[in-house]
PDB file of N, CA and C in Angstrom:
ATOM      1  N   MET A   1    -143.953  59.323  67.185  1.00  0.00           N
ATOM      2  CA  MET A   1    -144.137  60.219  68.326  1.00  0.00           C
ATOM      3  C   MET A   1    -144.319  61.739  67.831  1.00  0.00           C
ATOM      4  N   ILE A   2    -145.087  62.327  68.718  1.00  0.00           N
ATOM      5  CA  ILE A   2    -145.654  63.757  68.295  1.00  0.00           C
ATOM      6  C   ILE A   2    -144.492  64.605  69.698  1.00  0.00           C
ATOM      7  N   PRO A   3    -143.679  65.688  69.295  1.00  0.00           N
ATOM      8  CA  PRO A   3    -143.121  66.363  69.973  1.00  0.00           C
ATOM      9  C   PRO A   3    -143.930  66.779  71.539  1.00  0.00           C
ATOM     10  N   SER A   4    -143.280  66.508  72.822  1.00  0.00           N
ATOM     11  CA  SER A   4    -144.229  66.816  73.935  1.00  0.00           C
ATOM     12  C   SER A   4    -143.796  68.080  74.846  1.00  0.00           C
ATOM     13  N   ILE A   5    -142.448  68.384  74.584  1.00  0.00           N
ATOM     14  CA  ILE A   5    -141.575  69.033  75.344  1.00  0.00           C
ATOM     15  C   ILE A   5    -140.862  70.037  74.297  1.00  0.00           C
ATOM     16  N   ALA A   6    -140.636  71.261  74.651  1.00  0.00           N
ATOM     17  CA  ALA A   6    -139.520  72.228  73.906  1.00  0.00           C
ATOM     18  C   ALA A   6    -138.810  72.682  75.081  1.00  0.00           C
ATOM     19  N   VAL A   7    -137.301  73.145  74.718  1.00  0.00           N
ATOM     20  CA  VAL A   7    -136.309  73.507  75.842  1.00  0.00           C
ATOM     21  C   VAL A   7    -135.865  74.424  75.174  1.00  0.00           C
ATOM     22  N   ILE A   8    -136.349  75.894  75.726  1.00  0.00           N
ATOM     23  CA  ILE A   8    -136.153  77.228  75.120  1.00  0.00           C
ATOM     24  C   ILE A   8    -134.771  78.147  76.094  1.00  0.00           C
ATOM     25  N   GLN A   9    -133.549  78.233  75.705  1.00  0.00           N
ATOM     26  CA  GLN A   9    -132.309  78.676  76.270  1.00  0.00           C
ATOM     27  C   GLN A   9    -131.848  79.894  75.437  1.00  0.00           C
ATOM     28  N   ILE A  10    -131.961  81.323  75.923  1.00  0.00           N
ATOM     29  CA  ILE A  10    -131.197  82.496  75.579  1.00  0.00           C
ATOM     30  C   ILE A  10    -130.202  82.889  76.697  1.00  0.00           C
ATOM     31  N   GLN A  11    -129.410  83.361  76.048  1.00  0.00           N
ATOM     32  CA  GLN A  11    -128.219  84.043  76.704  1.00  0.00           C
ATOM     33  C   GLN A  11    -127.591  85.059  76.146  1.00  0.00           C
ATOM     34  N   ASN A  12    -126.792  85.701  76.658  1.00  0.00           N
ATOM     35  CA  ASN A  12    -125.887  86.764  75.973  1.00  0.00           C
ATOM     36  C   ASN A  12    -124.696  87.000  77.032  1.00  0.00           C
ATOM     37  N   PRO A  13    -123.683  87.976  76.461  1.00  0.00           N
ATOM     38  CA  PRO A  13    -122.715  88.303  77.594  1.00  0.00           C
ATOM     39  C   PRO A  13    -122.666  88.871  78.717  1.00  0.00           C
ATOM     40  N   HIS A  14    -123.957  89.529  78.891  1.00  0.00           N
ATOM     41  CA  HIS A  14    -124.677  90.520  80.306  1.00  0.00           C
ATOM     42  C   HIS A  14    -124.921  89.557  81.370  1.00  0.00           C
ATOM     43  N   TRP A  15    -126.208  88.691  80.318  1.00  0.00           N
ATOM     44  CA  TRP A  15    -127.105  88.187  81.019  1.00  0.00           C
ATOM     45  C   TRP A  15    -126.945  86.774  80.764  1.00  0.00           C
ATOM     46  N   ARG A  16    -127.137  85.420  81.795  1.00  0.00           N
ATOM     47  CA  ARG A  16    -126.709  84.328  81.854  1.00  0.00           C
ATOM     48  C   ARG A  16    -128.553  83.920  81.869  1.00  0.00           C
ATOM     49  N   GLY A  17    -128.866  83.269  80.703  1.00  0.00           N
ATOM     50  CA  GLY A  17    -130.334  82.880  80.607  1.00  0.00           C
ATOM     51  C   GLY A  17    -130.463  81.970  81.012  1.00  0.00           C
ATOM     52  N   HIS A  18    -131.765  81.461  81.779  1.00  0.00           N
ATOM     53  CA  HIS A  18    -132.321  80.039  82.533  1.00  0.00           C
ATOM     54  C   HIS A  18    -133.164  79.575  81.243  1.00  0.00           C
ATOM     55  N   ARG A  19    -132.897  78.041  81.369  1.00  0.00           N
ATOM     56  CA  ARG A  19    -133.675  77.318  80.464  1.00  0.00           C
ATOM     57  C   ARG A  19    -135.330  77.632  80.881  1.00  0.00           C
ATOM     58  N   LEU A  20    -135.990  77.258  79.715  1.00  0.00           N
ATOM     59  CA  LEU A  20    -137.795  77.214  79.610  1.00  0.00           C
ATOM     60  C   LEU A  20    -138.253  76.160  78.887  1.00  0.00           C
ATOM     61  N   TRP A  21    -138.955  75.555  79.855  1.00  0.00           N
ATOM     62  CA  TRP A  21    -139.656  74.037  79.524  1.00  0.00           C
ATOM     63  C   TRP A  21    -140.966  74.496  79.015  1.00  0.00           C
ATOM     64  N   VAL A  22    -141.200  74.500  77.654  1.00  0.00           N
ATOM     65  CA  VAL A  22    -142.641  74.749  77.082  1.00  0.00           C
ATOM     66  C   VAL A  22    -143.211  73.217  76.755  1.00  0.00           C
ATOM     67  N   PRO A  23    -144.440  73.038  77.878  1.00  0.00           N
ATOM     68  CA  PRO A  23    -145.116  71.771  77.134  1.00  0.00           C
ATOM     69  C   PRO A  23    -146.025  71.887  76.009  1.00  0.00           C
ATOM     70  N   LEU A  24    -145.356  71.218  75.086  1.00  0.00           N
ATOM     71  CA  LEU A  24    -146.201  71.402  73.617  1.00  0.00           C
ATOM     72  C   LEU A  24    -147.442  70.646  73.698  1.00  0.00           C
ATOM     73  N   PHE A  25    -147.824  69.882  74.686  1.00  0.00           N
ATOM     74  CA  PHE A  25    -148.953  69.092  74.557  1.00  0.00           C
ATOM     75  C   PHE A  25    -150.370  70.186  75.270  1.00  0.00           C
ATOM     76  N   LEU A  26    -150.054  71.325  75.588  1.00  0.00           N
ATOM     77  CA  LEU A  26    -150.969  72.380  75.599  1.00  0.00           C
ATOM     78  C   LEU A  26    -151.106  73.174  74.306  1.00  0.00           C
ATOM     79  N   LEU A  27    -150.833  72.864  73.461  1.00  0.00           N
ATOM     80  CA  LEU A  27    -150.863  73.337  72.139  1.00  0.00           C
ATOM     81  C   LEU A  27    -152.007  72.509  71.186  1.00  0.00           C
ATOM     82  N   TRP A  28    -152.590  71.126  71.666  1.00  0.00           N
ATOM     83  CA  TRP A  28    -153.084  70.365  71.052  1.00  0.00           C
ATOM     84  C   TRP A  28    -154.503  71.064  71.315  1.00  0.00           C
ATOM     85  N   ILE A  29    -154.871  71.562  72.709  1.00  0.00           N
ATOM     86  CA  ILE A  29    -156.511  71.933  73.060  1.00  0.00           C
ATOM     87  C   ILE A  29    -156.493  73.104  71.925  1.00  0.00           C
ATOM     88  N   PRO A  30    -156.093  74.166  71.897  1.00  0.00           N
ATOM     89  CA  PRO A  30    -156.466  74.825  70.983  1.00  0.00           C
ATOM     90  C   PRO A  30    -156.605  74.680  69.399  1.00  0.00           C
ATOM     91  N   THR A  31    -155.325  73.758  69.347  1.00  0.00           N
ATOM     92  CA  THR A  31    -155.597  72.974  67.918  1.00  0.00           C
ATOM     93  C   THR A  31    -156.650  72.520  67.441  1.00  0.00           C
ATOM     94  N   LEU A  32    -156.899  71.310  68.620  1.00  0.00           N
ATOM     95  CA  LEU A  32    -158.136  70.479  68.018  1.00  0.00           C
ATOM     96  C   LEU A  32    -159.791  71.338  68.369  1.00  0.00           C
ATOM     97  N   LEU A  33    -159.412  72.751  68.751  1.00  0.00           N
ATOM     98  CA  LEU A  33    -160.659  73.366  68.420  1.00  0.00           C
ATOM     99  C   LEU A  33    -160.719  74.794  67.502  1.00  0.00           C
ATOM    100  N   LEU A  34    -159.589  74.609  66.679  1.00  0.00           N
ATOM    101  CA  LEU A  34    -159.677  75.436  65.574  1.00  0.00           C
ATOM    102  C   LEU A  34    -159.263  74.599  64.411  1.00  0.00           C
ATOM    103  N   SER A  35    -159.594  72.776  64.600  1.00  0.00           N
ATOM    104  CA  SER A  35    -159.274  72.012  63.268  1.00  0.00           C
ATOM    105  C   SER A  35    -160.367  72.165  62.272  1.00  0.00           C
ATOM    106  N   PRO A  36    -161.697  72.578  62.756  1.00  0.00           N
ATOM    107  CA  PRO A  36    -162.548  72.904  61.357  1.00  0.00           C
ATOM    108  C   PRO A  36    -161.811  74.050  60.535  1.00  0.00           C
ATOM    109  N   LEU A  37    -161.592  74.802  61.116  1.00  0.00           N
ATOM    110  CA  LEU A  37    -161.242  76.209  60.076  1.00  0.00           C
ATOM    111  C   LEU A  37    -159.710  75.727  59.330  1.00  0.00           C
ATOM    112  N   ILE A  38    -158.739  75.245  60.291  1.00  0.00           N
ATOM    113  CA  ILE A  38    -157.619  74.287  60.040  1.00  0.00           C
ATOM    114  C   ILE A  38    -157.898  73.396  58.579  1.00  0.00           C
ATOM    115  N   PHE A  39    -158.874  72.625  58.841  1.00  0.00           N
ATOM    116  CA  PHE A  39    -158.828  71.614  57.420  1.00  0.00           C
ATOM    117  C   PHE A  39    -159.482  72.303  56.449  1.00  0.00           C
ATOM    118  N   THR A  40    -160.842  73.401  56.912  1.00  0.00           N
ATOM    119  CA  THR A  40    -161.064  73.943  55.230  1.00  0.00           C
ATOM    120  C   THR A  40    -160.513  74.931  54.767  1.00  0.00           C
ATOM    121  N   ALA A  41    -159.342  75.726  55.335  1.00  0.00           N
ATOM    122  CA  ALA A  41    -158.160  76.165  54.689  1.00  0.00           C
ATOM    123  C   ALA A  41    -157.184  75.249  54.059  1.00  0.00           C
ATOM    124  N   LEU A  42    -156.376  73.695  55.004  1.00  0.00           N
ATOM    125  CA  LEU A  42    -155.853  72.931  53.809  1.00  0.00           C
ATOM    126  C   LEU A  42    -156.583  72.682  52.787  1.00  0.00           C
ATOM    127  N   PHE A  43    -158.070  72.677  52.755  1.00  0.00           N
ATOM    128  CA  PHE A  43    -158.460  71.554  51.568  1.00  0.00           C
ATOM    129  C   PHE A  43    -158.372  73.002  50.128  1.00  0.00           C
ATOM    130  N   ALA A  44    -158.907  74.209  50.654  1.00  0.00           N
ATOM    131  CA  ALA A  44    -158.672  75.085  50.088  1.00  0.00           C
ATOM    132  C   ALA A  44    -157.559  75.210  49.197  1.00  0.00           C
ATOM    133  N   VAL A  45    -156.410  75.380  50.127  1.00  0.00           N
ATOM    134  CA  VAL A  45    -155.155  76.094  49.531  1.00  0.00           C
ATOM    135  C   VAL A  45    -154.922  74.665  48.844  1.00  0.00           C
ATOM    136  N   CYS A  46    -155.602  73.396  49.071  1.00  0.00           N
ATOM    137  CA  CYS A  46    -154.500  72.226  48.184  1.00  0.00           C
ATOM    138  C   CYS A  46    -155.432  72.205  46.760  1.00  0.00           C
ATOM    139  N   MET A  47    -156.576  72.531  46.674  1.00  0.00           N
ATOM    140  CA  MET A  47    -157.699  72.694  46.088  1.00  0.00           C
ATOM    141  C   MET A  47    -157.147  73.671  44.546  1.00  0.00           C
ATOM    142  N   ALA A  48    -156.665  74.867  45.201  1.00  0.00           N
ATOM    143  CA  ALA A  48    -155.949  75.748  44.476  1.00  0.00           C
ATOM    144  C   ALA A  48    -154.761  75.801  43.497  1.00  0.00           C
ATOM    145  N   GLY A  49    -153.802  74.546  44.586  1.00  0.00           N
ATOM    146  CA  GLY A  49    -152.764  74.353  44.081  1.00  0.00           C
ATOM    147  C   GLY A  49    -152.427  72.677  43.499  1.00  0.00           C
ATOM    148  N   GLY A  50    -153.722  72.636  43.202  1.00  0.00           N
ATOM    149  CA  GLY A  50    -153.698  70.904  42.510  1.00  0.00           C
ATOM    150  C   GLY A  50    -153.147  69.855  42.952  1.00  0.00           C
ATOM    151  N   VAL A  51    -153.214  70.085  44.726  1.00  0.00           N
ATOM    152  CA  VAL A  51    -152.459  69.078  45.405  1.00  0.00           C
ATOM    153  C   VAL A  51    -153.213  68.217  45.646  1.00  0.00           C
ATOM    154  N   SER A  52    -153.176  66.873  46.279  1.00  0.00           N
ATOM    155  CA  SER A  52    -154.214  66.052  47.052  1.00  0.00           C
ATOM    156  C   SER A  52    -153.962  66.752  49.050  1.00  0.00           C
ATOM    157  N   PRO A  53    -155.521  66.553  48.810  1.00  0.00           N
ATOM    158  CA  PRO A  53    -155.529  67.080  51.096  1.00  0.00           C
ATOM    159  C   PRO A  53    -155.087  65.921  51.549  1.00  0.00           C
ATOM    160  N   TRP A  54    -155.084  64.432  51.141  1.00  0.00           N
ATOM    161  CA  TRP A  54    -154.733  63.522  51.903  1.00  0.00           C
ATOM    162  C   TRP A  54    -153.023  63.209  51.867  1.00  0.00           C
ATOM    163  N   ARG A  55    -152.533  64.015  51.156  1.00  0.00           N
ATOM    164  CA  ARG A  55    -151.014  64.124  50.871  1.00  0.00           C
ATOM    165  C   ARG A  55    -150.500  64.991  51.453  1.00  0.00           C
ATOM    166  N   ALA A  56    -150.973  66.117  51.608  1.00  0.00           N
ATOM    167  CA  ALA A  56    -150.638  67.492  52.004  1.00  0.00           C
ATOM    168  C   ALA A  56    -150.703  66.922  53.376  1.00  0.00           C
ATOM    169  N   THR A  57    -151.854  66.413  54.052  1.00  0.00           N
ATOM    170  CA  THR A  57    -151.934  65.946  55.624  1.00  0.00           C
ATOM    171  C   THR A  57    -150.841  65.039  56.283  1.00  0.00           C
ATOM    172  N   SER A  58    -150.626  63.979  55.044  1.00  0.00           N
ATOM    173  CA  SER A  58    -149.698  63.330  55.354  1.00  0.00           C
ATOM    174  C   SER A  58    -148.131  63.901  55.333  1.00  0.00           C
ATOM    175  N   VAL A  59    -148.295  64.882  54.852  1.00  0.00           N
ATOM    176  CA  VAL A  59    -146.668  65.220  55.090  1.00  0.00           C
ATOM    177  C   VAL A  59    -146.463  66.278  55.806  1.00  0.00           C
ATOM    178  N   PHE A  60    -147.718  66.784  56.637  1.00  0.00           N
ATOM    179  CA  PHE A  60    -147.142  67.608  57.619  1.00  0.00           C
ATOM    180  C   PHE A  60    -147.479  66.895  58.768  1.00  0.00           C
ATOM    181  N   TRP A  61    -148.032  65.624  58.972  1.00  0.00           N
ATOM    182  CA  TRP A  61    -147.934  64.925  60.144  1.00  0.00           C
ATOM    183  C   TRP A  61    -146.853  64.169  59.973  1.00  0.00           C
ATOM    184  N   ALA A  62    -145.896  63.692  59.057  1.00  0.00           N
ATOM    185  CA  ALA A  62    -144.868  63.069  58.891  1.00  0.00           C
ATOM    186  C   ALA A  62    -143.888  64.222  59.559  1.00  0.00           C
ATOM    187  N   ILE A  63    -144.069  65.821  58.961  1.00  0.00           N
ATOM    188  CA  ILE A  63    -142.845  66.769  59.565  1.00  0.00           C
ATOM    189  C   ILE A  63    -142.967  66.660  61.241  1.00  0.00           C
ATOM    190  N   LEU A  64    -144.238  66.396  61.806  1.00  0.00           N
ATOM    191  CA  LEU A  64    -144.552  66.906  63.376  1.00  0.00           C
ATOM    192  C   LEU A  64    -144.205  65.862  63.825  1.00  0.00           C
ATOM    193  N   CYS A  65    -144.055  64.344  63.033  1.00  0.00           N
ATOM    194  CA  CYS A  65    -143.487  63.583  63.784  1.00  0.00           C
ATOM    195  C   CYS A  65    -142.206  63.455  63.647  1.00  0.00           C
ATOM    196  N   GLY A  66    -141.873  64.320  63.090  1.00  0.00           N
ATOM    197  CA  GLY A  66    -140.161  63.801  62.989  1.00  0.00           C
ATOM    198  C   GLY A  66    -139.303  64.852  63.775  1.00  0.00           C
ATOM    199  N   LEU A  67    -139.834  65.846  64.180  1.00  0.00           N
ATOM    200  CA  LEU A  67    -139.646  67.020  65.613  1.00  0.00           C
ATOM    201  C   LEU A  67    -139.102  66.554  66.619  1.00  0.00           C
ATOM    202  N   PRO A  68    -139.113  65.541  67.140  1.00  0.00           N
ATOM    203  CA  PRO A  68    -138.146  64.959  68.376  1.00  0.00           C
ATOM    204  C   PRO A  68    -137.392  64.714  68.076  1.00  0.00           C
ATOM    205  N   GLY A  69    -136.363  65.239  69.100  1.00  0.00           N
ATOM    206  CA  GLY A  69    -134.916  65.177  68.452  1.00  0.00           C
ATOM    207  C   GLY A  69    -134.189  66.346  68.250  1.00  0.00           C
ATOM    208  N   THR A  70    -134.717  67.244  67.538  1.00  0.00           N
ATOM    209  CA  THR A  70    -134.194  68.794  66.858  1.00  0.00           C
ATOM    210  C   THR A  70    -133.259  69.428  67.864  1.00  0.00           C
ATOM    211  N   ASP A  71    -132.433  69.744  67.556  1.00  0.00           N
ATOM    212  CA  ASP A  71    -131.689  71.094  68.179  1.00  0.00           C
ATOM    213  C   ASP A  71    -131.036  71.887  67.385  1.00  0.00           C
ATOM    214  N   VAL A  72    -131.253  72.676  67.766  1.00  0.00           N
ATOM    215  CA  VAL A  72    -131.142  74.025  66.919  1.00  0.00           C
ATOM    216  C   VAL A  72    -130.395  75.116  67.941  1.00  0.00           C
ATOM    217  N   ARG A  73    -128.637  75.271  67.337  1.00  0.00           N
ATOM    218  CA  ARG A  73    -128.232  75.997  68.269  1.00  0.00           C
ATOM    219  C   ARG A  73    -127.966  77.424  67.451  1.00  0.00           C
ATOM    220  N   VAL A  74    -127.688  78.627  67.798  1.00  0.00           N
ATOM    221  CA  VAL A  74    -127.922  79.698  67.189  1.00  0.00           C
ATOM    222  C   VAL A  74    -126.734  80.871  67.717  1.00  0.00           C
ATOM    223  N   THR A  75    -125.644  81.430  67.604  1.00  0.00           N
ATOM    224  CA  THR A  75    -124.805  82.194  68.025  1.00  0.00           C
ATOM    225  C   THR A  75    -124.385  82.949  67.467  1.00  0.00           C
ATOM    226  N   SER A  76    -124.687  84.122  68.105  1.00  0.00           N
ATOM    227  CA  SER A  76    -124.329  85.814  67.209  1.00  0.00           C
ATOM    228  C   SER A  76    -123.953  86.720  68.197  1.00  0.00           C
ATOM    229  N   GLU A  77    -122.517  87.603  67.708  1.00  0.00           N
ATOM    230  CA  GLU A  77    -121.926  88.447  68.512  1.00  0.00           C
ATOM    231  C   GLU A  77    -121.989  87.710  70.258  1.00  0.00           C
ATOM    232  N   GLY A  78    -121.195  86.635  70.672  1.00  0.00           N
ATOM    233  CA  GLY A  78    -122.062  86.580  71.934  1.00  0.00           C
ATOM    234  C   GLY A  78    -122.794  86.248  72.456  1.00  0.00           C
ATOM    235  N   ASN A  79    -124.255  86.131  71.667  1.00  0.00           N
ATOM    236  CA  ASN A  79    -125.620  85.997  71.993  1.00  0.00           C
ATOM    237  C   ASN A  79    -125.700  84.295  71.753  1.00  0.00           C
ATOM    238  N   ARG A  80    -126.590  83.834  72.420  1.00  0.00           N
ATOM    239  CA  ARG A  80    -126.805  82.408  72.237  1.00  0.00           C
ATOM    240  C   ARG A  80    -128.201  81.772  72.275  1.00  0.00           C
ATOM    241  N   VAL A  81    -129.020  81.113  71.769  1.00  0.00           N
ATOM    242  CA  VAL A  81    -130.330  80.700  71.697  1.00  0.00           C
ATOM    243  C   VAL A  81    -130.043  79.197  71.232  1.00  0.00           C
ATOM    244  N   LEU A  82    -130.292  78.301  72.512  1.00  0.00           N
ATOM    245  CA  LEU A  82    -130.977  77.290  72.103  1.00  0.00           C
ATOM    246  C   LEU A  82    -131.713  76.625  72.005  1.00  0.00           C
ATOM    247  N   VAL A  83    -132.876  76.082  71.044  1.00  0.00           N
ATOM    248  CA  VAL A  83    -134.007  75.102  70.761  1.00  0.00           C
ATOM    249  C   VAL A  83    -133.975  73.817  71.154  1.00  0.00           C
ATOM    250  N   ARG A  84    -134.717  73.208  71.967  1.00  0.00           N
ATOM    251  CA  ARG A  84    -134.389  71.515  72.006  1.00  0.00           C
ATOM    252  C   ARG A  84    -135.724  71.058  71.693  1.00  0.00           C
ATOM    253  N   ILE A  85    -136.141  70.266  71.023  1.00  0.00           N
ATOM    254  CA  ILE A  85    -137.672  69.837  70.936  1.00  0.00           C
ATOM    255  C   ILE A  85    -137.558  68.360  71.718  1.00  0.00           C
ATOM    256  N   LEU A  86    -138.208  67.983  72.723  1.00  0.00           N
ATOM    257  CA  LEU A  86    -137.660  66.646  73.084  1.00  0.00           C
ATOM    258  C   LEU A  86    -138.920  65.336  72.803  1.00  0.00           C
TER     259      LEU A  86
END
């Protein structure tokens, strides 16, 4: 399953941040429009590196499908950043 929503929250000691819900499905529109360029660049890089383009595509797809459930929390000097991919 591909990720559909990312939740981003930034806080610091002086300001309590609000959660920002980012619909990731909107990123598919420019991705589809740019797909010929993306696949041409992927093919060129794979040929230069000696990697099968099909294998590289399957690895990228596996990483993309593994993103849902990712929870990243970073805290430094009272500042906090939370990123969750649903």
